[in-house]
């Protein structure tokens, strides 16, 4: 499954750029800043890491469903006396993930643009001390996203994004723990493309002068 996700991500990445330049293609690129809440108690006290991410979606202008690519990174650190995955002192945790899926945004005109999406992801999670993340693991999982953004002018977007991840399974320092979480983010980004999605207008031919 991991190899399938990697292959799908590579294929989409290779074809996304030329497709996005094709006539009638539109898309969004959004940057996320958020708060994550890990489901498993084993992550305490580092179970509420800050998250940063970037997402891009694209499709023909008339399509309500878009291909979606995303990257997320989250981290947290604390000074602990009780062992955290066998480490004490200045300990930290980091998560990185790449996702491939779809996004549906049915509203094509208007200031408010709601959306919903889902897909698969590859996650890496690691723990360590003094920013030396010596033990980590990879897993796949599934995500769902729900949010809305507001158009600021023709191209800029601001809004909110909710994300949920399930189905992950990590082994950290010999312990089985999932990386499932809920996340809330603010987003800012921009829309692009679509310049040729409408048929070009044909100039009207002026009537010929009547010489009679």
Protein backbone atom coordinates (compact mmCIF):
# COMPACT_ATOMS: atom_id res chain seq x y z
CA UNK A 1 0.00 0.00 0.00
CA UNK A 2 2.87 2.37 0.77
CA UNK A 3 4.36 1.79 -2.67
CA UNK A 4 0.96 2.35 -4.28
CA UNK A 5 0.58 5.72 -2.53
CA UNK A 6 4.09 6.75 -3.51
CA UNK A 7 3.47 5.75 -7.13
CA UNK A 8 0.16 7.63 -7.22
CA UNK A 9 1.75 10.72 -5.72
CA UNK A 10 4.59 10.62 -8.24
CA UNK A 11 2.19 10.19 -11.15
CA UNK A 12 0.01 13.08 -10.07
CA UNK A 13 3.06 15.27 -9.47
CA UNK A 14 4.44 14.53 -12.93
CA UNK A 15 1.20 15.24 -14.76
CA UNK A 16 -0.10 18.08 -12.59
CA UNK A 17 2.14 20.82 -13.94
CA UNK A 18 1.39 20.40 -17.67
CA UNK A 19 -2.28 19.74 -16.93
CA UNK A 20 -2.55 22.93 -14.90
CA UNK A 21 -1.27 24.93 -17.87
CA UNK A 22 -3.82 23.41 -20.20
CA UNK A 23 -6.70 25.51 -21.47
CA UNK A 24 -9.60 25.71 -19.04
CA UNK A 25 -7.73 24.36 -15.99
CA UNK A 26 -8.20 26.07 -12.63
CA UNK A 27 -6.89 25.45 -9.16
CA UNK A 28 -6.01 26.72 -5.70
CA UNK A 29 -2.84 26.71 -3.67
CA UNK A 30 -3.47 27.10 0.06
CA UNK A 31 -1.13 27.45 3.04
CA UNK A 32 -2.32 26.16 6.43
CA UNK A 33 -1.41 27.07 10.00
CA UNK A 34 -3.20 24.98 12.61
CA UNK A 35 -3.53 23.05 15.83
CA UNK A 36 -3.53 19.25 15.95
CA UNK A 37 -5.03 16.97 18.60
CA UNK A 38 -3.58 13.45 18.70
CA UNK A 39 -6.06 10.69 19.60
CA UNK A 40 -3.71 8.30 21.39
CA UNK A 41 -2.85 9.09 25.03
CA UNK A 42 0.70 7.77 24.55
CA UNK A 43 1.57 11.08 22.87
CA UNK A 44 0.91 13.05 26.07
CA UNK A 45 2.18 15.60 26.98
CA UNK A 46 3.13 16.29 23.34
CA UNK A 47 -0.32 15.46 21.98
CA UNK A 48 -1.24 18.95 20.71
CA UNK A 49 1.44 19.88 18.17
CA UNK A 50 1.33 22.93 15.92
CA UNK A 51 0.94 22.11 12.24
CA UNK A 52 1.93 23.73 8.98
CA UNK A 53 0.87 22.62 5.53
CA UNK A 54 0.39 23.34 1.88
CA UNK A 55 -2.35 21.99 -0.38
CA UNK A 56 -3.04 22.32 -4.07
CA UNK A 57 -6.09 21.27 -6.08
CA UNK A 58 -6.77 21.46 -9.80
CA UNK A 59 -9.33 20.40 -12.41
CA UNK A 60 -11.09 21.68 -15.53
CA UNK A 61 -12.97 24.87 -14.70
CA UNK A 62 -16.39 23.28 -15.11
CA UNK A 63 -15.67 20.25 -12.87
CA UNK A 64 -16.97 20.26 -9.27
CA UNK A 65 -14.39 17.60 -8.28
CA UNK A 66 -10.67 18.36 -8.23
CA UNK A 67 -7.50 16.34 -7.78
CA UNK A 68 -5.80 17.32 -4.51
CA UNK A 69 -2.21 17.09 -3.29
CA UNK A 70 -1.08 18.06 0.18
CA UNK A 71 1.88 18.17 2.53
CA UNK A 72 1.64 18.56 6.33
CA UNK A 73 4.25 18.83 9.05
CA UNK A 74 3.56 19.04 12.79
CA UNK A 75 5.90 19.21 15.77
CA UNK A 76 5.98 19.77 19.51
CA UNK A 77 8.57 19.73 22.28
CA UNK A 78 8.61 19.91 26.07
CA UNK A 79 10.88 19.40 29.07
CA UNK A 80 9.62 16.28 30.84
CA UNK A 81 10.69 14.27 33.89
CA UNK A 82 8.52 11.22 33.22
CA UNK A 83 9.83 9.08 30.34
CA UNK A 84 8.35 9.95 26.95
CA UNK A 85 9.04 6.97 24.70
CA UNK A 86 12.05 6.22 26.93
CA UNK A 87 13.41 9.80 26.76
CA UNK A 88 13.45 12.47 29.46
CA UNK A 89 14.51 16.10 29.53
CA UNK A 90 14.06 18.15 26.36
CA UNK A 91 11.99 15.77 24.19
CA UNK A 92 10.18 16.31 20.93
CA UNK A 93 7.89 14.74 18.38
CA UNK A 94 7.54 15.38 14.66
CA UNK A 95 5.08 14.21 12.02
CA UNK A 96 5.31 14.64 8.25
CA UNK A 97 2.80 13.45 5.69
CA UNK A 98 2.02 13.60 2.00
CA UNK A 99 -1.54 13.09 0.78
CA UNK A 100 -3.29 12.40 -2.52
CA UNK A 101 -7.04 12.64 -2.92
CA UNK A 102 -9.95 14.67 -4.23
CA UNK A 103 -11.69 17.87 -3.26
CA UNK A 104 -15.23 18.92 -4.14
CA UNK A 105 -16.09 22.62 -4.22
CA UNK A 106 -19.49 22.98 -5.88
CA UNK A 107 -19.71 26.80 -5.61
CA UNK A 108 -17.99 28.35 -8.62
CA UNK A 109 -19.08 31.95 -8.09
CA UNK A 110 -19.60 33.96 -4.94
CA UNK A 111 -17.55 35.15 -1.99
CA UNK A 112 -18.02 32.02 0.19
CA UNK A 113 -16.61 28.73 -1.20
CA UNK A 114 -17.29 25.61 0.94
CA UNK A 115 -15.46 22.36 0.14
CA UNK A 116 -15.14 18.74 1.24
CA UNK A 117 -12.47 16.20 0.39
CA UNK A 118 -10.89 12.84 1.20
CA UNK A 119 -7.98 10.64 0.21
CA UNK A 120 -5.00 8.57 1.29
CA UNK A 121 -1.76 9.64 2.93
CA UNK A 122 1.72 8.50 3.84
CA UNK A 123 2.86 9.59 7.32
CA UNK A 124 6.21 9.59 9.07
CA UNK A 125 6.29 10.00 12.87
CA UNK A 126 9.35 10.22 15.11
CA UNK A 127 10.34 11.06 18.67
CA UNK A 128 13.64 12.05 20.24
CA UNK A 129 15.48 14.35 22.59
CA UNK A 130 17.33 17.61 21.90
CA UNK A 131 15.86 17.59 18.36
CA UNK A 132 17.63 14.32 17.63
CA UNK A 133 14.75 12.21 16.29
CA UNK A 134 16.39 8.82 16.59
CA UNK A 135 13.33 6.57 16.37
CA UNK A 136 10.58 6.82 13.75
CA UNK A 137 8.25 4.85 11.55
CA UNK A 138 6.15 5.17 8.39
CA UNK A 139 2.48 4.35 7.95
CA UNK A 140 -0.36 4.93 5.54
CA UNK A 141 -3.78 6.24 6.47
CA UNK A 142 -6.89 7.99 5.26
CA UNK A 143 -7.97 11.60 5.65
CA UNK A 144 -11.09 13.68 5.33
CA UNK A 145 -11.26 17.46 5.10
CA UNK A 146 -14.04 20.00 5.40
CA UNK A 147 -13.78 23.77 5.22
CA UNK A 148 -14.55 27.00 3.50
CA UNK A 149 -12.69 29.99 2.18
CA UNK A 150 -13.64 33.52 1.27
CA UNK A 151 -12.59 35.21 -1.94
CA UNK A 152 -10.64 38.44 -1.47
CA UNK A 153 -10.69 39.97 -4.89
CA UNK A 154 -10.35 37.68 -7.87
CA UNK A 155 -7.40 35.55 -6.79
CA UNK A 156 -6.78 35.59 -3.02
CA UNK A 157 -8.39 33.24 -0.47
CA UNK A 158 -8.70 33.25 3.33
CA UNK A 159 -10.62 30.69 5.36
CA UNK A 160 -10.74 27.70 7.70
CA UNK A 161 -9.96 24.00 7.26
CA UNK A 162 -10.87 20.97 9.38
CA UNK A 163 -9.01 17.69 8.92
CA UNK A 164 -9.35 14.20 10.39
CA UNK A 165 -6.96 11.27 9.91
CA UNK A 166 -7.67 7.61 10.65
CA UNK A 167 -6.15 4.19 9.96
CA UNK A 168 -2.50 4.93 10.85
CA UNK A 169 -0.25 2.49 12.73
CA UNK A 170 3.24 3.42 13.97
CA UNK A 171 5.82 1.54 16.02
CA UNK A 172 7.91 3.93 18.14
CA UNK A 173 10.60 2.52 20.48
CA UNK A 174 8.89 -0.86 20.28
CA UNK A 175 5.46 0.53 21.17
CA UNK A 176 2.49 0.32 18.84
CA UNK A 177 0.76 3.70 18.61
CA UNK A 178 -1.43 5.32 15.99
CA UNK A 179 -0.92 8.77 14.50
CA UNK A 180 -4.64 9.51 14.15
CA UNK A 181 -5.69 13.07 14.84
CA UNK A 182 -8.14 15.92 14.39
CA UNK A 183 -6.87 19.29 13.20
CA UNK A 184 -8.20 22.84 12.77
CA UNK A 185 -6.34 25.36 10.61
CA UNK A 186 -6.52 28.82 9.20
CA UNK A 187 -5.71 29.04 5.52
CA UNK A 188 -4.50 31.70 3.15
CA UNK A 189 -3.84 31.14 -0.52
CA UNK A 190 -4.64 32.02 -4.08
CA UNK A 191 -6.58 30.77 -7.08
CA UNK A 192 -5.09 30.44 -10.52
CA UNK A 193 -5.94 29.46 -14.09
CA UNK A 194 -9.27 29.50 -15.85
CA UNK A 195 -8.42 32.26 -18.20
CA UNK A 196 -9.53 30.25 -21.22
CA UNK A 197 -12.37 28.30 -19.65
CA UNK A 198 -14.94 30.51 -21.32
CA UNK A 199 -15.29 30.44 -25.08
CA UNK A 200 -13.80 33.44 -26.76
CA UNK A 201 -16.34 35.99 -27.83
CA UNK A 202 -16.70 36.57 -31.55
CA UNK A 203 -16.75 40.25 -32.46
CA UNK A 204 -19.87 41.34 -34.21
CA UNK A 205 -19.50 42.18 -37.87
CA UNK A 206 -20.71 45.72 -38.53
CA UNK A 207 -23.44 45.95 -41.14
CA UNK A 208 -22.31 46.78 -44.62
CA UNK A 209 -23.13 50.33 -45.64
CA UNK A 210 -26.09 50.68 -47.93
CA UNK A 211 -24.79 52.27 -51.09
CA UNK A 212 -28.23 52.55 -52.66
